Protein backbone atom coordinates (compact mmCIF):
# COMPACT_ATOMS: atom_id res chain seq x y z
CA UNK A 1 18.88 7.14 24.97
CA UNK A 2 22.02 8.67 23.51
CA UNK A 3 24.63 10.32 25.71
CA UNK A 4 26.34 13.54 24.73
CA UNK A 5 29.61 13.25 22.78
CA UNK A 6 32.76 13.27 24.93
CA UNK A 7 34.18 16.74 25.38
CA UNK A 8 30.98 18.49 24.40
CA UNK A 9 30.63 22.01 25.71
CA UNK A 10 26.85 21.62 25.94
CA UNK A 11 25.13 20.06 28.98
CA UNK A 12 23.99 16.45 28.54
CA UNK A 13 20.66 17.37 30.13
CA UNK A 14 18.76 19.66 27.72
CA UNK A 15 17.71 22.70 29.66
CA UNK A 16 16.47 26.22 29.10
CA UNK A 17 18.46 28.70 27.07
CA UNK A 18 20.23 30.59 29.88
CA UNK A 19 21.63 34.06 29.46
CA UNK A 20 25.15 32.75 29.50
CA UNK A 21 24.42 30.45 26.55
CA UNK A 22 22.82 32.96 24.23
CA UNK A 23 26.13 34.03 22.82
CA UNK A 24 26.76 30.47 21.76
CA UNK A 25 23.27 30.30 20.20
CA UNK A 26 23.88 33.47 18.22
CA UNK A 27 27.26 32.12 17.17
CA UNK A 28 25.65 28.90 15.97
CA UNK A 29 23.02 30.85 14.07
CA UNK A 30 25.72 33.00 12.46
CA UNK A 31 27.69 29.86 11.65
CA UNK A 32 24.63 28.34 10.02
CA UNK A 33 24.09 31.45 7.92
CA UNK A 34 27.72 31.44 6.86
CA UNK A 35 27.70 27.74 6.02
CA UNK A 36 24.56 28.21 3.97
CA UNK A 37 26.15 31.04 2.05
CA UNK A 38 23.79 33.64 3.48
CA UNK A 39 25.07 37.19 3.52
CA UNK A 40 24.51 39.49 6.53
CA UNK A 41 21.20 41.29 6.30
CA UNK A 42 19.52 38.51 4.34
CA UNK A 43 17.16 35.86 5.72
CA UNK A 44 18.89 32.86 7.35
CA UNK A 45 18.45 29.28 6.18
CA UNK A 46 14.92 28.07 6.96
CA UNK A 47 15.09 24.90 9.06
CA UNK A 48 12.27 22.74 10.50
CA UNK A 49 12.16 19.42 12.34
CA UNK A 50 9.87 16.38 12.11
CA UNK A 51 9.53 13.94 15.01
CA UNK A 52 7.66 10.66 14.39
CA UNK A 53 6.07 9.74 17.72
CA UNK A 54 3.48 7.15 16.76
CA UNK A 55 5.07 4.17 18.50
CA UNK A 56 2.95 2.02 20.80
CA UNK A 57 5.64 0.66 23.15
CA UNK A 58 5.63 -2.94 21.88
CA UNK A 59 9.41 -3.34 21.93
CA UNK A 60 9.64 -2.13 25.52
CA UNK A 61 6.78 -4.38 26.57
CA UNK A 62 5.03 -1.60 28.47
CA UNK A 63 1.45 -0.35 28.16
CA UNK A 64 2.59 3.29 27.88
CA UNK A 65 4.28 4.25 24.60
CA UNK A 66 7.99 4.92 25.11
CA UNK A 67 7.75 8.60 24.20
CA UNK A 68 5.24 9.18 27.01
CA UNK A 69 7.09 7.27 29.74
CA UNK A 70 7.79 9.58 32.70
CA UNK A 71 11.33 10.62 33.56
CA UNK A 72 11.32 12.46 36.90
CA UNK A 73 7.53 12.77 36.56
CA UNK A 74 7.87 14.35 33.10
CA UNK A 75 7.17 12.60 29.74
CA UNK A 76 10.29 11.68 27.78
CA UNK A 77 9.10 13.43 24.62
CA UNK A 78 8.95 16.74 26.51
CA UNK A 79 12.73 16.58 27.03
CA UNK A 80 13.26 15.99 23.31
CA UNK A 81 11.04 18.94 22.40
CA UNK A 82 12.93 21.14 24.81
CA UNK A 83 16.24 20.09 23.28
CA UNK A 84 15.04 21.22 19.86
CA UNK A 85 13.29 24.37 21.12
CA UNK A 86 16.50 25.74 22.64
CA UNK A 87 17.99 25.74 19.10
CA UNK A 88 16.70 29.14 18.06
CA UNK A 89 17.31 28.64 14.31
CA UNK A 90 14.84 25.70 14.11
CA UNK A 91 11.68 27.52 13.08
CA UNK A 92 9.02 24.77 13.29
CA UNK A 93 8.82 21.39 15.03
CA UNK A 94 6.20 18.96 13.71
CA UNK A 95 5.30 15.96 15.88
CA UNK A 96 3.37 12.99 14.42
CA UNK A 97 1.27 11.18 17.04
CA UNK A 98 -1.57 8.69 16.80
CA UNK A 99 -5.12 9.94 16.98
CA UNK A 100 -5.66 8.27 20.35
CA UNK A 101 -2.67 10.13 21.82
CA UNK A 102 -3.41 13.51 20.25
CA UNK A 103 -5.05 14.95 23.37
CA UNK A 104 -2.26 13.60 25.58
CA UNK A 105 0.29 15.35 23.39
CA UNK A 106 -1.66 18.60 23.47
CA UNK A 107 -1.76 18.51 27.25
CA UNK A 108 2.01 17.96 27.39
CA UNK A 109 2.60 20.97 25.14
CA UNK A 110 0.35 23.11 27.29
CA UNK A 111 1.65 21.93 30.66
CA UNK A 112 5.34 22.35 29.83
CA UNK A 113 4.79 25.46 27.70
CA UNK A 114 6.40 24.17 24.55
CA UNK A 115 6.61 26.58 21.63
CA UNK A 116 6.81 26.24 17.84
CA UNK A 117 5.15 22.80 18.02
CA UNK A 118 2.61 21.57 15.46
CA UNK A 119 0.84 18.20 15.60
CA UNK A 120 -0.13 15.86 12.77
CA UNK A 121 -1.65 12.40 12.90
CA UNK A 122 0.82 9.55 12.65
CA UNK A 123 0.58 6.88 9.98
CA UNK A 124 0.57 3.10 10.35
CA UNK A 125 4.35 3.01 9.87
CA UNK A 126 7.22 5.25 10.88
CA UNK A 127 7.83 6.21 7.27
CA UNK A 128 4.20 7.17 6.86
CA UNK A 129 4.35 9.30 10.00
CA UNK A 130 7.38 11.16 8.66
CA UNK A 131 5.61 11.67 5.35
CA UNK A 132 2.61 13.18 7.15
CA UNK A 133 4.96 15.58 8.91
CA UNK A 134 6.60 16.56 5.63
CA UNK A 135 3.21 17.17 4.03
CA UNK A 136 2.27 19.52 6.86
CA UNK A 137 5.37 21.58 6.07
CA UNK A 138 4.85 21.46 2.32
CA UNK A 139 1.20 22.47 2.13
CA UNK A 140 0.49 26.16 2.55
CA UNK A 141 -2.89 25.90 4.21
CA UNK A 142 -5.14 28.80 5.16
CA UNK A 143 -4.43 30.03 8.71
CA UNK A 144 -1.42 27.71 8.91
CA UNK A 145 1.62 29.05 10.73
CA UNK A 146 3.90 26.63 8.90
CA UNK A 147 5.88 27.36 5.77
CA UNK A 148 8.10 25.16 3.66
CA UNK A 149 11.68 25.01 5.00
CA UNK A 150 14.82 24.65 2.95
CA UNK A 151 16.24 21.95 5.21
CA UNK A 152 14.30 19.54 7.44
CA UNK A 153 15.66 17.57 10.39
CA UNK A 154 14.27 14.09 11.10
CA UNK A 155 14.79 13.07 14.71
CA UNK A 156 13.53 10.43 17.14
CA UNK A 157 11.00 11.60 19.69
CA UNK A 158 12.67 9.42 22.34
CA UNK A 159 16.22 10.79 21.96
CA UNK A 160 16.41 13.97 24.07
CA UNK A 161 20.21 14.14 24.34
CA UNK A 162 20.82 15.81 21.02
CA UNK A 163 23.30 18.68 20.90
CA UNK A 164 23.08 21.84 18.84
CA UNK A 165 26.51 21.34 17.34
CA UNK A 166 25.41 17.93 15.98
CA UNK A 167 22.24 19.46 14.54
CA UNK A 168 24.28 22.25 13.01
CA UNK A 169 26.68 19.79 11.37
CA UNK A 170 23.96 17.63 9.78
CA UNK A 171 22.02 20.69 8.57
CA UNK A 172 25.15 22.24 7.08
CA UNK A 173 26.10 18.96 5.38
CA UNK A 174 22.53 18.51 4.08
CA UNK A 175 22.63 22.02 2.61
CA UNK A 176 25.82 21.12 0.75
CA UNK A 177 25.16 17.49 -0.20
CA UNK A 178 21.36 17.13 -0.08
CA UNK A 179 21.27 14.67 2.83
CA UNK A 180 23.28 13.95 5.97
CA UNK A 181 23.04 12.00 9.20
CA UNK A 182 24.84 11.31 12.43
CA UNK A 183 26.95 8.16 12.70
CA UNK A 184 28.83 6.35 15.43
CA UNK A 185 31.43 3.55 15.52
CA UNK A 186 30.13 0.00 15.63
CA UNK A 187 30.17 -1.49 19.11
CA UNK A 188 28.55 -4.86 18.46
CA UNK A 189 29.87 -7.42 16.00
CA UNK A 190 27.71 -7.68 12.88
CA UNK A 191 27.59 -11.17 11.39
CA UNK A 192 26.06 -12.81 8.34
CA UNK A 193 24.76 -16.35 8.97
CA UNK A 194 24.85 -19.07 6.33
CA UNK A 195 21.80 -21.06 5.20
CA UNK A 196 22.40 -23.69 7.90
CA UNK A 197 22.56 -21.07 10.65
CA UNK A 198 26.34 -21.07 11.08
CA UNK A 199 28.60 -18.03 10.85
CA UNK A 200 29.33 -17.09 7.26
CA UNK A 201 31.34 -13.91 7.80
CA UNK A 202 31.44 -10.84 10.06
CA UNK A 203 31.94 -7.18 9.23
CA UNK A 204 35.18 -5.44 10.09
CA UNK A 205 33.94 -2.94 12.64
CA UNK A 206 36.68 -0.39 11.97
CA UNK A 207 35.46 0.01 8.36
CA UNK A 208 31.77 0.49 9.14
CA UNK A 209 29.58 2.92 11.07
CA UNK A 210 26.09 2.76 12.57
CA UNK A 211 23.57 5.27 11.28
CA UNK A 212 22.00 7.43 13.98
CA UNK A 213 19.58 10.28 14.42
CA UNK A 214 19.37 13.17 13.77
CA UNK A 215 19.30 13.20 9.99
CA UNK A 216 18.80 16.24 7.77
CA UNK A 217 17.72 16.69 4.16
CA UNK A 218 17.07 19.39 1.65
CA UNK A 219 13.31 19.55 1.96
CA UNK A 220 12.56 19.30 -1.76
CA UNK A 221 14.81 16.24 -2.03
CA UNK A 222 13.27 14.24 0.82
CA UNK A 223 9.70 15.29 0.03
CA UNK A 224 10.00 14.28 -3.61
CA UNK A 225 11.57 10.96 -2.55
CA UNK A 226 8.66 10.21 -0.23
CA UNK A 227 6.16 11.12 -2.93
CA UNK A 228 7.80 8.90 -5.54
CA UNK A 229 8.63 5.94 -3.29
CA UNK A 230 6.44 5.88 -0.18
CA UNK A 231 3.32 7.37 -1.75
CA UNK A 232 3.34 5.27 -4.91
CA UNK A 233 4.29 2.15 -2.97
CA UNK A 234 1.39 2.72 -0.60
CA UNK A 235 -0.98 3.19 -3.52
CA UNK A 236 0.19 0.00 -5.19
CA UNK A 237 -0.06 -1.87 -1.90
CA UNK A 238 -3.58 -0.54 -1.29
CA UNK A 239 -4.65 -1.48 -4.81
CA UNK A 240 -3.25 -4.98 -4.35
CA UNK A 241 -5.08 -5.43 -1.04
CA UNK A 242 -8.38 -4.23 -2.51
CA UNK A 243 -8.03 -6.52 -5.54
CA UNK A 244 -7.32 -9.44 -3.25
CA UNK A 245 -10.38 -8.75 -1.10
CA UNK A 246 -12.85 -8.44 -3.99
CA UNK A 247 -11.47 -11.52 -5.76
CA UNK A 248 -12.41 -14.03 -3.06
CA UNK A 249 -15.75 -15.08 -4.58
CA UNK A 250 -16.75 -16.12 -8.10
CA UNK A 251 -20.30 -16.78 -9.24
CA UNK A 252 -20.62 -19.09 -12.23
CA UNK A 253 -23.86 -18.18 -14.03
CA UNK A 254 -25.40 -21.02 -16.08
CA UNK A 255 -27.73 -20.56 -19.03
CA UNK A 256 -29.62 -23.82 -18.38
CA UNK A 257 -31.81 -25.19 -15.61
CA UNK A 258 -30.13 -26.09 -12.37
CA UNK A 259 -30.91 -29.81 -12.61
CA UNK A 260 -29.35 -30.22 -16.08
CA UNK A 261 -25.74 -31.32 -15.98
CA UNK A 262 -23.63 -29.75 -18.72
CA UNK A 263 -20.12 -28.51 -19.38
CA UNK A 264 -20.69 -25.40 -17.28
CA UNK A 265 -20.86 -27.56 -14.16
CA UNK A 266 -17.63 -29.22 -15.20
CA UNK A 267 -15.98 -25.80 -15.53
CA UNK A 268 -17.26 -24.96 -12.06
CA UNK A 269 -15.64 -28.09 -10.62
CA UNK A 270 -12.33 -27.26 -12.29
CA UNK A 271 -12.49 -23.70 -10.93
CA UNK A 272 -13.05 -25.04 -7.42
CA UNK A 273 -10.12 -27.42 -7.84
CA UNK A 274 -7.71 -24.86 -9.30
CA UNK A 275 -8.79 -21.95 -7.07
CA UNK A 276 -9.14 -23.66 -3.72
CA UNK A 277 -8.72 -20.34 -1.87
CA UNK A 278 -11.67 -18.75 -3.68
CA UNK A 279 -15.36 -19.34 -2.99
CA UNK A 280 -17.01 -20.60 -6.20
CA UNK A 281 -20.82 -20.73 -6.43
CA UNK A 282 -23.20 -21.28 -9.35
CA UNK A 283 -26.63 -20.00 -10.26
CA UNK A 284 -28.99 -20.48 -13.20
CA UNK A 285 -29.88 -17.38 -15.15
CA UNK A 286 -33.34 -18.66 -16.03
CA UNK A 287 -36.40 -17.17 -14.33
CA UNK A 288 -34.54 -13.88 -13.88
CA UNK A 289 -31.98 -15.58 -11.63
CA UNK A 290 -33.92 -16.33 -8.45
CA UNK A 291 -30.85 -16.40 -6.23
CA UNK A 292 -28.56 -14.45 -8.50
CA UNK A 293 -30.02 -11.15 -7.43
CA UNK A 294 -29.29 -12.00 -3.81
CA UNK A 295 -25.67 -12.88 -4.73
CA UNK A 296 -25.35 -9.49 -6.37
CA UNK A 297 -26.81 -7.80 -3.28
CA UNK A 298 -24.28 -9.70 -1.17
CA UNK A 299 -21.59 -7.88 -3.17
CA UNK A 300 -19.96 -10.52 -5.32
CA UNK A 301 -17.79 -8.70 -7.86
CA UNK A 302 -16.80 -11.59 -10.16
CA UNK A 303 -19.06 -13.46 -12.59
CA UNK A 304 -18.42 -16.20 -15.14
CA UNK A 305 -21.33 -16.40 -17.59
CA UNK A 306 -21.38 -19.84 -19.20
CA UNK A 307 -23.07 -19.89 -22.63
CA UNK A 308 -23.80 -23.46 -23.67
CA UNK A 309 -27.29 -23.38 -25.15
CA UNK A 310 -26.69 -20.25 -27.23
CA UNK A 311 -23.79 -19.11 -29.37
CA UNK A 312 -24.30 -15.38 -28.88
CA UNK A 313 -24.27 -12.96 -25.95
CA UNK A 314 -27.95 -13.12 -25.11
CA UNK A 315 -27.41 -14.60 -21.64
CA UNK A 316 -24.40 -12.40 -20.98
CA UNK A 317 -26.48 -9.35 -21.83
CA UNK A 318 -29.11 -10.42 -19.31
CA UNK A 319 -26.45 -10.64 -16.62
CA UNK A 320 -24.99 -7.26 -17.57
CA UNK A 321 -28.42 -5.67 -17.33
CA UNK A 322 -28.92 -7.08 -13.83
CA UNK A 323 -25.54 -5.76 -12.74
CA UNK A 324 -26.22 -2.31 -14.15
CA UNK A 325 -29.57 -2.09 -12.37
CA UNK A 326 -28.05 -3.20 -9.06
CA UNK A 327 -25.52 -0.32 -8.90
CA UNK A 328 -23.02 -2.86 -7.57
CA UNK A 329 -20.29 -1.45 -9.80
CA UNK A 330 -20.37 1.97 -8.12
CA UNK A 331 -17.97 0.80 -5.41
CA UNK A 332 -15.58 -1.49 -7.29
CA UNK A 333 -15.07 -2.64 -10.89
CA UNK A 334 -17.10 -5.79 -11.58
CA UNK A 335 -15.56 -8.52 -13.73
CA UNK A 336 -17.72 -10.52 -16.14
CA UNK A 337 -16.13 -13.33 -18.16
CA UNK A 338 -18.41 -14.51 -20.98
CA UNK A 339 -17.47 -18.15 -21.66
CA UNK A 340 -18.29 -19.87 -24.97
CA UNK A 341 -17.53 -23.39 -26.18
CA UNK A 342 -16.50 -24.58 -29.63
CA UNK A 343 -15.43 -27.84 -31.21
CA UNK A 344 -12.58 -26.76 -33.46
CA UNK A 345 -12.81 -30.08 -35.33
CA UNK A 346 -16.35 -29.39 -36.48
CA UNK A 347 -16.50 -25.62 -36.72
CA UNK A 348 -13.53 -23.49 -37.83
CA UNK A 349 -12.89 -20.67 -35.37
CA UNK A 350 -13.32 -18.05 -38.09
CA UNK A 351 -17.01 -18.98 -38.55
CA UNK A 352 -17.86 -18.24 -34.96
CA UNK A 353 -15.41 -15.42 -34.36
CA UNK A 354 -17.43 -12.90 -36.39
CA UNK A 355 -20.41 -13.28 -34.07
CA UNK A 356 -18.32 -13.38 -30.91
CA UNK A 357 -16.40 -10.23 -31.81
CA UNK A 358 -19.50 -8.27 -30.86
CA UNK A 359 -18.08 -8.48 -27.37
CA UNK A 360 -15.98 -5.41 -28.15
CA UNK A 361 -19.07 -3.26 -28.55
CA UNK A 362 -20.65 -4.59 -25.36
CA UNK A 363 -17.39 -4.12 -23.45
CA UNK A 364 -17.11 -0.45 -24.43
CA UNK A 365 -20.68 0.25 -23.35
CA UNK A 366 -20.45 -1.37 -19.92
CA UNK A 367 -16.93 -0.06 -19.22
CA UNK A 368 -18.50 3.36 -18.71
CA UNK A 369 -20.47 1.81 -15.84
CA UNK A 370 -17.36 0.23 -14.29
CA UNK A 371 -18.03 -3.30 -15.59
CA UNK A 372 -15.05 -5.10 -17.13
CA UNK A 373 -16.23 -7.57 -19.78
CA UNK A 374 -13.92 -10.24 -21.20
CA UNK A 375 -14.54 -13.16 -23.56
CA UNK A 376 -13.24 -16.72 -23.24
CA UNK A 377 -13.47 -19.44 -25.88
CA UNK A 378 -12.91 -23.04 -24.71
CA UNK A 379 -12.35 -26.01 -27.00
CA UNK A 380 -15.17 -28.49 -26.34
CA UNK A 381 -15.28 -31.89 -28.11
CA UNK A 382 -18.91 -32.36 -29.14
CA UNK A 383 -18.48 -36.11 -28.96
CA UNK A 384 -18.83 -35.84 -25.19
CA UNK A 385 -22.57 -36.16 -24.55
CA UNK A 386 -24.23 -34.61 -21.46
CA UNK A 387 -24.55 -38.05 -19.85
CA UNK A 388 -20.84 -38.56 -20.30
CA UNK A 389 -20.10 -35.15 -18.84
CA UNK A 390 -22.09 -36.00 -15.73
CA UNK A 391 -19.90 -39.05 -15.20
CA UNK A 392 -16.77 -37.01 -15.76
CA UNK A 393 -17.67 -34.76 -12.86
CA UNK A 394 -17.23 -37.64 -10.42
CA UNK A 395 -14.89 -40.00 -12.31
CA UNK A 396 -11.26 -39.80 -13.49
CA UNK A 397 -10.40 -38.56 -16.95
CA UNK A 398 -9.80 -41.47 -19.31
CA UNK A 399 -10.00 -40.96 -23.07
CA UNK A 400 -7.86 -38.67 -25.18
CA UNK A 401 -10.81 -36.32 -25.76
CA UNK A 402 -11.44 -36.28 -22.02
CA UNK A 403 -7.86 -35.24 -21.36
CA UNK A 404 -8.02 -32.50 -24.01
CA UNK A 405 -11.21 -31.13 -22.46
CA UNK A 406 -9.66 -31.28 -19.02
CA UNK A 407 -6.65 -29.31 -20.20
CA UNK A 408 -8.84 -26.72 -21.95
CA UNK A 409 -10.96 -26.25 -18.83
CA UNK A 410 -7.87 -25.97 -16.67
CA UNK A 411 -6.37 -23.34 -18.95
CA UNK A 412 -9.72 -21.56 -18.93
CA UNK A 413 -9.76 -21.56 -15.14
CA UNK A 414 -6.25 -20.06 -15.07
CA UNK A 415 -7.28 -17.32 -17.51
CA UNK A 416 -10.43 -16.56 -15.49
CA UNK A 417 -8.43 -16.34 -12.27
CA UNK A 418 -5.93 -13.97 -13.87
CA UNK A 419 -8.63 -11.70 -15.32
CA UNK A 420 -10.37 -11.48 -11.95
CA UNK A 421 -7.21 -10.86 -9.96
CA UNK A 422 -5.61 -8.28 -12.26
CA UNK A 423 -8.76 -6.48 -13.46
CA UNK A 424 -6.81 -5.22 -16.45
CA UNK A 425 -8.84 -2.62 -18.31
CA UNK A 426 -6.54 -3.00 -21.32
CA UNK A 427 -7.92 -6.49 -22.01
CA UNK A 428 -11.63 -5.65 -21.91
CA UNK A 429 -13.49 -6.70 -25.04
CA UNK A 430 -10.81 -9.26 -25.94
CA UNK A 431 -11.72 -12.85 -26.81
CA UNK A 432 -9.19 -15.17 -25.21
CA UNK A 433 -8.82 -18.82 -26.23
CA UNK A 434 -8.12 -21.70 -23.84
């Protein structure tokens, strides 16, 4: 905990506002009005405080969170609240606590008769807790006693020895510059280690300062910063986590019987090899997909439809119909990659492209039902007979054609993995070539 600055006229132990101190409080309030450019008779600068108190006590190694540890039989956070309450020009104090400690905090407020205190639920991080406190001050809710301040103070719930003159200085500086915070001289030596763990250089302590609480900000400045940085960052992080979770399984749907070895099985093997962190399964689409329906029910959101026996989208359409009927895509976007094979030596791409470009129409239709349809064309040397393909599944690649097919399948696997991971709606209906 911080000690009071040397020579401070205020007591180090925050106590009640005694009659002998009220003159000083009024003087501070008048000073704040003057510093803010407020004329007599007009409303003073609106100031509020936010205290993040969602810590769980891990750094102290105690079961009780630090802010609730008793000091002379009284929780530490109560002292901090009292220190802020005795500053009469702080209108509202918002405390962010975890849901499990909400009732404990309410009982502390009631027992020690704290005033001007509002509670919000803390977030998973300190920054998120502060943001929740700022939102409570920003949102004019029905029956809410809070209103948006001009300046907000951010302070630690476990630092009760904060003096009014320090609060006044940071608020005044924030009013003038937009943001301000308390600092102190460096006591410890700050070093930068080299790559091998040895001392690289150390900071000159006389030229640097340590940042401390309290800090103060123009409310609009800090709130906008949290919205643009914290909020967007959280959204991007959440999107990334969700994409990662729903990309852990791929079902390769074959258009032939299960016991017939063909290039689709070879693609499956390459997918397993290239994506060793992803579960890859395969099912035949014939007989209405006996096990495919169960895979859909088990919430697999990624499908690779291998079209070997046909050159159109007949099998892909069957799969799309099953997905639409299952309502799987209500929760998350489902990716379907329609894979087609072509020997560029025998058939010019232009001859097959016209038929395959129908994928654009299908993609637009199913996009409305949250299904992302992509096309993939893989170069497939027709000289490789099914019997040869079966051997290639379990034997090394040898001939030049074998190596070309291997490279095409590998590139196809990379494209499939990227489409599934990114779920880019801008690429739906596109026919990619591996």
